[in-house]
Amino acid sequence: MARSDFSFVHALRVRWSEVDMQAIVFNGNYLNYFDVAFTEYWRMTGLPDVLAQAEAGLEMFARKATVEYHAPARFDDMLDIGVRCIELGRSSMRFVLEIFLGDELLVSGEMTYVYADSRIRQSRPVPDAWRERLAAVERTMPALR
């Protein structure tokens, strides 16, 4: 995916505590970066945050995460993390996340979330209002199931 395909990009500076003995970002930290960027993406949408979801008992649960490493980030690099919703299923949402240093793609990945009743941990349909808002945020949204 091209950087210009993202309707949302979050800037993040690599901190000293995030690099390993090879002086590059420790691989597990990229999932933390994805989570930070996703949280800011979600905040931008104006949809219910994690606290409001928990209070309602209907929350998004992480179901799947993939990470593909292309090149390393280093201490003090200023990264841009693109987040884009690419698929809305009946009860699931799939997001692509990519981390850039300037124009260079360093890391790409996907996160799949399932909307569910948190008390009984069973999926529920994604609310229509959420679908409408996500479609409005994204410049091009795939056909919704």
N, C-alpha and C. Protein backbone atom coordinates (compact mmCIF):
# COMPACT_ATOMS: atom_id res chain seq x y z
N MET A 1 0.85 -1.17 0.00
CA MET A 1 0.00 0.00 0.00
C MET A 1 0.90 1.24 0.00
N ALA A 2 0.53 2.25 -0.73
CA ALA A 2 1.31 3.49 -0.78
C ALA A 2 0.97 4.37 0.42
N ARG A 3 1.94 5.15 0.83
CA ARG A 3 1.73 6.05 1.97
C ARG A 3 0.52 6.95 1.75
N SER A 4 0.31 7.38 0.52
CA SER A 4 -0.81 8.27 0.20
C SER A 4 -2.17 7.59 0.32
N ASP A 5 -2.19 6.26 0.46
CA ASP A 5 -3.45 5.54 0.61
C ASP A 5 -4.04 5.65 2.02
N PHE A 6 -3.27 6.19 2.96
CA PHE A 6 -3.73 6.29 4.34
C PHE A 6 -4.42 7.61 4.60
N SER A 7 -5.62 7.54 5.16
CA SER A 7 -6.34 8.76 5.54
C SER A 7 -5.90 9.25 6.91
N PHE A 8 -5.14 8.42 7.63
CA PHE A 8 -4.67 8.80 8.96
C PHE A 8 -3.23 8.34 9.13
N VAL A 9 -2.38 9.25 9.63
CA VAL A 9 -0.98 8.94 9.92
C VAL A 9 -0.64 9.53 11.28
N HIS A 10 -0.03 8.71 12.12
CA HIS A 10 0.38 9.15 13.46
C HIS A 10 1.91 9.19 13.54
N ALA A 11 2.45 10.30 14.04
CA ALA A 11 3.90 10.45 14.19
C ALA A 11 4.34 9.92 15.56
N LEU A 12 5.47 9.23 15.57
CA LEU A 12 6.01 8.66 16.81
C LEU A 12 7.53 8.66 16.74
N ARG A 13 8.17 9.14 17.81
CA ARG A 13 9.63 9.15 17.87
C ARG A 13 10.11 7.91 18.64
N VAL A 14 11.10 7.22 18.10
CA VAL A 14 11.66 6.03 18.77
C VAL A 14 12.43 6.48 20.01
N ARG A 15 12.10 5.86 21.13
CA ARG A 15 12.76 6.16 22.40
C ARG A 15 13.89 5.18 22.66
N TRP A 16 14.84 5.59 23.48
CA TRP A 16 16.02 4.79 23.79
C TRP A 16 15.64 3.42 24.34
N SER A 17 14.64 3.37 25.19
CA SER A 17 14.25 2.11 25.83
C SER A 17 13.65 1.11 24.85
N GLU A 18 13.38 1.51 23.62
CA GLU A 18 12.74 0.64 22.63
C GLU A 18 13.73 -0.06 21.71
N VAL A 19 15.02 0.27 21.82
CA VAL A 19 16.01 -0.37 20.96
C VAL A 19 16.71 -1.50 21.71
N ASP A 20 17.22 -2.46 20.95
CA ASP A 20 17.88 -3.62 21.54
C ASP A 20 19.40 -3.50 21.42
N MET A 21 20.10 -4.58 21.72
CA MET A 21 21.56 -4.55 21.69
C MET A 21 22.11 -4.36 20.27
N GLN A 22 21.29 -4.57 19.27
CA GLN A 22 21.71 -4.32 17.89
C GLN A 22 21.52 -2.85 17.49
N ALA A 23 21.03 -2.05 18.45
CA ALA A 23 20.78 -0.61 18.25
C ALA A 23 19.64 -0.34 17.27
N ILE A 24 18.72 -1.31 17.13
CA ILE A 24 17.52 -1.13 16.32
C ILE A 24 16.31 -1.41 17.20
N VAL A 25 15.13 -0.98 16.75
CA VAL A 25 13.92 -1.19 17.54
C VAL A 25 13.70 -2.69 17.72
N PHE A 26 13.50 -3.09 18.98
CA PHE A 26 13.21 -4.48 19.30
C PHE A 26 11.91 -4.87 18.61
N ASN A 27 11.90 -6.03 17.97
CA ASN A 27 10.78 -6.42 17.09
C ASN A 27 9.41 -6.34 17.76
N GLY A 28 9.30 -6.71 19.02
CA GLY A 28 8.00 -6.69 19.70
C GLY A 28 7.43 -5.29 19.87
N ASN A 29 8.28 -4.29 19.83
CA ASN A 29 7.80 -2.92 20.00
C ASN A 29 6.96 -2.43 18.83
N TYR A 30 7.11 -3.05 17.68
CA TYR A 30 6.31 -2.60 16.54
C TYR A 30 4.82 -2.84 16.77
N LEU A 31 4.47 -3.90 17.49
CA LEU A 31 3.05 -4.10 17.83
C LEU A 31 2.58 -3.00 18.78
N ASN A 32 3.44 -2.56 19.69
CA ASN A 32 3.08 -1.42 20.54
C ASN A 32 2.87 -0.17 19.70
N TYR A 33 3.73 0.04 18.72
CA TYR A 33 3.57 1.19 17.83
C TYR A 33 2.24 1.11 17.09
N PHE A 34 1.91 -0.09 16.59
CA PHE A 34 0.63 -0.28 15.93
C PHE A 34 -0.52 0.08 16.87
N ASP A 35 -0.43 -0.37 18.12
CA ASP A 35 -1.50 -0.12 19.09
C ASP A 35 -1.65 1.38 19.37
N VAL A 36 -0.54 2.08 19.53
CA VAL A 36 -0.59 3.53 19.77
C VAL A 36 -1.25 4.23 18.58
N ALA A 37 -0.83 3.90 17.38
CA ALA A 37 -1.38 4.53 16.18
C ALA A 37 -2.86 4.17 16.02
N PHE A 38 -3.23 2.92 16.29
CA PHE A 38 -4.63 2.53 16.17
C PHE A 38 -5.48 3.30 17.17
N THR A 39 -4.98 3.45 18.40
CA THR A 39 -5.73 4.20 19.42
C THR A 39 -5.97 5.64 18.96
N GLU A 40 -4.97 6.27 18.36
CA GLU A 40 -5.13 7.63 17.88
C GLU A 40 -6.07 7.69 16.67
N TYR A 41 -5.99 6.67 15.81
CA TYR A 41 -6.93 6.58 14.68
C TYR A 41 -8.35 6.52 15.21
N TRP A 42 -8.57 5.64 16.18
CA TRP A 42 -9.92 5.45 16.72
C TRP A 42 -10.41 6.73 17.38
N ARG A 43 -9.52 7.41 18.11
CA ARG A 43 -9.88 8.68 18.74
C ARG A 43 -10.33 9.68 17.67
N MET A 44 -9.61 9.72 16.54
CA MET A 44 -9.94 10.63 15.45
C MET A 44 -11.33 10.33 14.87
N THR A 45 -11.74 9.06 14.87
CA THR A 45 -13.05 8.73 14.28
C THR A 45 -14.20 9.29 15.11
N GLY A 46 -13.98 9.50 16.39
CA GLY A 46 -15.06 9.95 17.27
C GLY A 46 -15.96 8.83 17.74
N LEU A 47 -15.63 7.59 17.39
CA LEU A 47 -16.42 6.44 17.85
C LEU A 47 -16.11 6.17 19.32
N PRO A 48 -16.97 5.40 20.00
CA PRO A 48 -16.76 5.16 21.44
C PRO A 48 -15.37 4.61 21.74
N ASP A 49 -14.70 5.22 22.73
CA ASP A 49 -13.37 4.77 23.12
C ASP A 49 -13.46 3.51 23.97
N VAL A 50 -12.30 3.00 24.37
CA VAL A 50 -12.27 1.72 25.11
C VAL A 50 -13.04 1.80 26.42
N LEU A 51 -13.03 2.95 27.09
CA LEU A 51 -13.75 3.07 28.35
C LEU A 51 -15.26 3.05 28.12
N ALA A 52 -15.72 3.75 27.11
CA ALA A 52 -17.16 3.75 26.79
C ALA A 52 -17.60 2.36 26.32
N GLN A 53 -16.75 1.70 25.55
CA GLN A 53 -17.08 0.34 25.10
C GLN A 53 -17.19 -0.60 26.29
N ALA A 54 -16.24 -0.51 27.21
CA ALA A 54 -16.25 -1.39 28.39
C ALA A 54 -17.50 -1.15 29.22
N GLU A 55 -17.87 0.11 29.38
CA GLU A 55 -19.07 0.44 30.15
C GLU A 55 -20.32 -0.13 29.50
N ALA A 56 -20.35 -0.13 28.16
CA ALA A 56 -21.50 -0.67 27.43
C ALA A 56 -21.49 -2.20 27.39
N GLY A 57 -20.32 -2.80 27.67
CA GLY A 57 -20.22 -4.26 27.61
C GLY A 57 -20.10 -4.80 26.21
N LEU A 58 -19.83 -3.92 25.25
CA LEU A 58 -19.64 -4.30 23.85
C LEU A 58 -18.31 -3.70 23.41
N GLU A 59 -17.33 -4.58 23.17
CA GLU A 59 -15.97 -4.12 22.95
C GLU A 59 -15.34 -4.78 21.73
N MET A 60 -14.23 -4.19 21.30
CA MET A 60 -13.44 -4.78 20.23
C MET A 60 -12.32 -5.59 20.85
N PHE A 61 -12.21 -6.83 20.43
CA PHE A 61 -11.16 -7.72 20.90
C PHE A 61 -10.18 -7.97 19.75
N ALA A 62 -8.89 -7.89 20.05
CA ALA A 62 -7.90 -8.22 19.04
C ALA A 62 -8.00 -9.71 18.75
N ARG A 63 -8.08 -10.05 17.48
CA ARG A 63 -8.23 -11.45 17.06
C ARG A 63 -6.98 -11.96 16.36
N LYS A 64 -6.34 -11.04 15.58
CA LYS A 64 -5.18 -11.47 14.81
C LYS A 64 -4.28 -10.28 14.55
N ALA A 65 -2.98 -10.52 14.61
CA ALA A 65 -2.00 -9.49 14.30
C ALA A 65 -0.88 -10.11 13.47
N THR A 66 -0.50 -9.42 12.42
CA THR A 66 0.65 -9.85 11.63
C THR A 66 1.60 -8.67 11.50
N VAL A 67 2.89 -8.98 11.45
CA VAL A 67 3.92 -7.96 11.29
C VAL A 67 4.94 -8.48 10.28
N GLU A 68 5.28 -7.64 9.32
CA GLU A 68 6.31 -7.98 8.36
C GLU A 68 7.38 -6.88 8.41
N TYR A 69 8.61 -7.31 8.65
CA TYR A 69 9.72 -6.37 8.81
C TYR A 69 10.45 -6.21 7.48
N HIS A 70 10.61 -4.96 7.06
CA HIS A 70 11.32 -4.67 5.81
C HIS A 70 12.67 -4.02 6.08
N ALA A 71 12.72 -3.12 7.06
CA ALA A 71 13.95 -2.42 7.43
C ALA A 71 13.80 -1.93 8.87
N PRO A 72 14.90 -1.79 9.59
CA PRO A 72 14.80 -1.41 11.01
C PRO A 72 14.65 0.09 11.23
N ALA A 73 14.03 0.42 12.35
CA ALA A 73 14.02 1.78 12.87
C ALA A 73 15.06 1.85 13.97
N ARG A 74 15.55 3.06 14.22
CA ARG A 74 16.62 3.25 15.21
C ARG A 74 16.23 4.36 16.19
N PHE A 75 16.99 4.41 17.28
CA PHE A 75 16.77 5.44 18.29
C PHE A 75 16.67 6.83 17.65
N ASP A 76 15.66 7.57 18.09
CA ASP A 76 15.40 8.96 17.71
C ASP A 76 14.83 9.12 16.31
N ASP A 77 14.61 8.03 15.57
CA ASP A 77 13.94 8.14 14.28
C ASP A 77 12.53 8.69 14.50
N MET A 78 12.10 9.55 13.60
CA MET A 78 10.74 10.07 13.63
C MET A 78 9.94 9.25 12.62
N LEU A 79 9.05 8.41 13.14
CA LEU A 79 8.28 7.49 12.31
C LEU A 79 6.89 8.03 12.03
N ASP A 80 6.35 7.65 10.91
CA ASP A 80 4.95 7.92 10.58
C ASP A 80 4.26 6.56 10.44
N ILE A 81 3.14 6.41 11.14
CA ILE A 81 2.42 5.14 11.14
C ILE A 81 1.04 5.35 10.53
N GLY A 82 0.84 4.75 9.37
CA GLY A 82 -0.44 4.86 8.69
C GLY A 82 -1.39 3.77 9.17
N VAL A 83 -2.66 4.13 9.32
CA VAL A 83 -3.71 3.19 9.74
C VAL A 83 -4.86 3.33 8.76
N ARG A 84 -5.35 2.19 8.30
CA ARG A 84 -6.48 2.22 7.36
C ARG A 84 -7.36 1.00 7.56
N CYS A 85 -8.66 1.23 7.66
CA CYS A 85 -9.63 0.13 7.71
C CYS A 85 -9.82 -0.36 6.28
N ILE A 86 -9.56 -1.64 6.06
CA ILE A 86 -9.67 -2.16 4.69
C ILE A 86 -10.81 -3.16 4.52
N GLU A 87 -11.39 -3.59 5.65
CA GLU A 87 -12.49 -4.56 5.53
C GLU A 87 -13.36 -4.51 6.76
N LEU A 88 -14.67 -4.49 6.52
CA LEU A 88 -15.66 -4.60 7.59
C LEU A 88 -16.52 -5.82 7.31
N GLY A 89 -16.39 -6.81 8.17
CA GLY A 89 -17.24 -7.99 8.07
C GLY A 89 -18.49 -7.79 8.92
N ARG A 90 -19.21 -8.84 9.16
CA ARG A 90 -20.41 -8.76 10.00
C ARG A 90 -20.05 -8.31 11.41
N SER A 91 -19.02 -8.94 11.99
CA SER A 91 -18.63 -8.61 13.36
C SER A 91 -17.14 -8.29 13.49
N SER A 92 -16.45 -8.25 12.38
CA SER A 92 -15.00 -8.01 12.45
C SER A 92 -14.59 -6.81 11.60
N MET A 93 -13.41 -6.29 11.95
CA MET A 93 -12.82 -5.16 11.24
C MET A 93 -11.35 -5.47 11.02
N ARG A 94 -10.88 -5.24 9.80
CA ARG A 94 -9.48 -5.51 9.49
C ARG A 94 -8.81 -4.19 9.10
N PHE A 95 -7.64 -3.96 9.70
CA PHE A 95 -6.89 -2.73 9.49
C PHE A 95 -5.49 -3.05 8.98
N VAL A 96 -5.01 -2.24 8.05
CA VAL A 96 -3.63 -2.29 7.60
C VAL A 96 -2.90 -1.16 8.32
N LEU A 97 -1.70 -1.48 8.80
CA LEU A 97 -0.84 -0.48 9.44
C LEU A 97 0.53 -0.57 8.80
N GLU A 98 1.11 0.58 8.48
CA GLU A 98 2.45 0.60 7.90
C GLU A 98 3.26 1.71 8.57
N ILE A 99 4.52 1.39 8.82
CA ILE A 99 5.42 2.32 9.48
C ILE A 99 6.46 2.80 8.48
N PHE A 100 6.57 4.13 8.37
CA PHE A 100 7.47 4.76 7.41
C PHE A 100 8.50 5.61 8.13
N LEU A 101 9.69 5.65 7.57
CA LEU A 101 10.72 6.62 7.94
C LEU A 101 10.92 7.45 6.69
N GLY A 102 10.39 8.66 6.70
CA GLY A 102 10.34 9.44 5.46
C GLY A 102 9.45 8.69 4.47
N ASP A 103 9.99 8.42 3.30
CA ASP A 103 9.22 7.67 2.30
C ASP A 103 9.51 6.17 2.31
N GLU A 104 10.44 5.75 3.18
CA GLU A 104 10.82 4.33 3.22
C GLU A 104 9.87 3.52 4.10
N LEU A 105 9.33 2.44 3.55
CA LEU A 105 8.48 1.53 4.31
C LEU A 105 9.36 0.63 5.16
N LEU A 106 9.19 0.71 6.48
CA LEU A 106 9.99 -0.11 7.38
C LEU A 106 9.26 -1.38 7.81
N VAL A 107 7.99 -1.24 8.16
CA VAL A 107 7.23 -2.36 8.72
C VAL A 107 5.80 -2.27 8.22
N SER A 108 5.21 -3.41 7.88
CA SER A 108 3.80 -3.45 7.51
C SER A 108 3.11 -4.53 8.33
N GLY A 109 1.82 -4.38 8.50
CA GLY A 109 1.09 -5.37 9.26
C GLY A 109 -0.40 -5.21 9.13
N GLU A 110 -1.09 -6.14 9.74
CA GLU A 110 -2.55 -6.10 9.79
C GLU A 110 -3.01 -6.44 11.19
N MET A 111 -4.13 -5.84 11.56
CA MET A 111 -4.78 -6.14 12.84
C MET A 111 -6.25 -6.43 12.54
N THR A 112 -6.75 -7.51 13.09
CA THR A 112 -8.16 -7.85 12.97
C THR A 112 -8.77 -7.79 14.36
N TYR A 113 -9.88 -7.07 14.45
CA TYR A 113 -10.62 -6.96 15.71
C TYR A 113 -12.01 -7.54 15.51
N VAL A 114 -12.55 -8.11 16.58
CA VAL A 114 -13.91 -8.63 16.58
C VAL A 114 -14.72 -7.83 17.59
N TYR A 115 -15.87 -7.37 17.18
CA TYR A 115 -16.79 -6.66 18.05
C TYR A 115 -17.60 -7.72 18.80
N ALA A 116 -17.62 -7.63 20.12
CA ALA A 116 -18.24 -8.72 20.90
C ALA A 116 -18.85 -8.22 22.20
N ASP A 117 -19.76 -9.02 22.71
CA ASP A 117 -20.32 -8.83 24.04
C ASP A 117 -19.24 -9.30 25.01
N SER A 118 -18.71 -8.39 25.80
CA SER A 118 -17.57 -8.73 26.66
C SER A 118 -17.96 -9.62 27.84
N ARG A 119 -19.21 -9.65 28.21
CA ARG A 119 -19.63 -10.50 29.33
C ARG A 119 -19.62 -11.98 28.96
N ILE A 120 -20.07 -12.27 27.74
CA ILE A 120 -20.15 -13.68 27.33
C ILE A 120 -19.14 -14.02 26.23
N ARG A 121 -18.38 -13.00 25.81
CA ARG A 121 -17.32 -13.16 24.81
C ARG A 121 -17.83 -13.81 23.52
N GLN A 122 -18.95 -13.28 23.04
CA GLN A 122 -19.51 -13.73 21.76
C GLN A 122 -19.63 -12.53 20.84
N SER A 123 -19.35 -12.77 19.56
CA SER A 123 -19.38 -11.68 18.59
C SER A 123 -20.78 -11.11 18.42
N ARG A 124 -20.78 -9.85 18.05
CA ARG A 124 -22.02 -9.12 17.76
C ARG A 124 -21.78 -8.34 16.47
N PRO A 125 -22.85 -8.02 15.74
CA PRO A 125 -22.66 -7.24 14.51
C PRO A 125 -22.07 -5.85 14.80
N VAL A 126 -21.18 -5.41 13.93
CA VAL A 126 -20.64 -4.06 14.03
C VAL A 126 -21.81 -3.09 13.84
N PRO A 127 -21.99 -2.13 14.74
CA PRO A 127 -23.12 -1.19 14.62
C PRO A 127 -23.09 -0.41 13.30
N ASP A 128 -24.26 -0.16 12.75
CA ASP A 128 -24.37 0.58 11.49
C ASP A 128 -23.72 1.97 11.60
N ALA A 129 -23.88 2.62 12.74
CA ALA A 129 -23.27 3.95 12.92
C ALA A 129 -21.75 3.87 12.81
N TRP A 130 -21.15 2.79 13.32
CA TRP A 130 -19.70 2.61 13.21
C TRP A 130 -19.32 2.42 11.75
N ARG A 131 -20.08 1.61 11.03
CA ARG A 131 -19.81 1.37 9.61
C ARG A 131 -19.83 2.67 8.83
N GLU A 132 -20.86 3.48 9.09
CA GLU A 132 -21.01 4.75 8.38
C GLU A 132 -19.85 5.68 8.70
N ARG A 133 -19.44 5.74 9.95
CA ARG A 133 -18.35 6.63 10.33
C ARG A 133 -17.02 6.18 9.73
N LEU A 134 -16.74 4.87 9.78
CA LEU A 134 -15.49 4.37 9.20
C LEU A 134 -15.46 4.60 7.69
N ALA A 135 -16.60 4.41 7.02
CA ALA A 135 -16.66 4.66 5.58
C ALA A 135 -16.41 6.13 5.28
N ALA A 136 -16.90 7.02 6.14
CA ALA A 136 -16.70 8.46 5.95
C ALA A 136 -15.23 8.84 6.16
N VAL A 137 -14.56 8.18 7.10
CA VAL A 137 -13.16 8.48 7.40
C VAL A 137 -12.25 8.04 6.26
N GLU A 138 -12.54 6.89 5.70
CA GLU A 138 -11.69 6.33 4.65
C GLU A 138 -12.08 6.93 3.30
N ARG A 139 -11.08 7.24 2.49
CA ARG A 139 -11.34 7.82 1.17
C ARG A 139 -12.01 6.81 0.24
N THR A 140 -11.54 5.58 0.31
CA THR A 140 -12.15 4.52 -0.49
C THR A 140 -12.35 3.35 0.45
N MET A 141 -13.55 2.89 0.54
CA MET A 141 -13.87 1.80 1.45
C MET A 141 -14.36 0.62 0.63
N PRO A 142 -13.82 -0.56 0.90
CA PRO A 142 -14.29 -1.74 0.16
C PRO A 142 -15.76 -2.01 0.45
N ALA A 143 -16.36 -2.80 -0.39
CA ALA A 143 -17.75 -3.18 -0.17
C ALA A 143 -17.92 -3.78 1.21
N LEU A 144 -18.94 -3.34 1.90
CA LEU A 144 -19.21 -3.84 3.25
C LEU A 144 -20.05 -5.09 3.18
N ARG A 145 -19.69 -6.07 4.03
CA ARG A 145 -20.48 -7.30 4.06
C ARG A 145 -21.58 -7.16 5.08
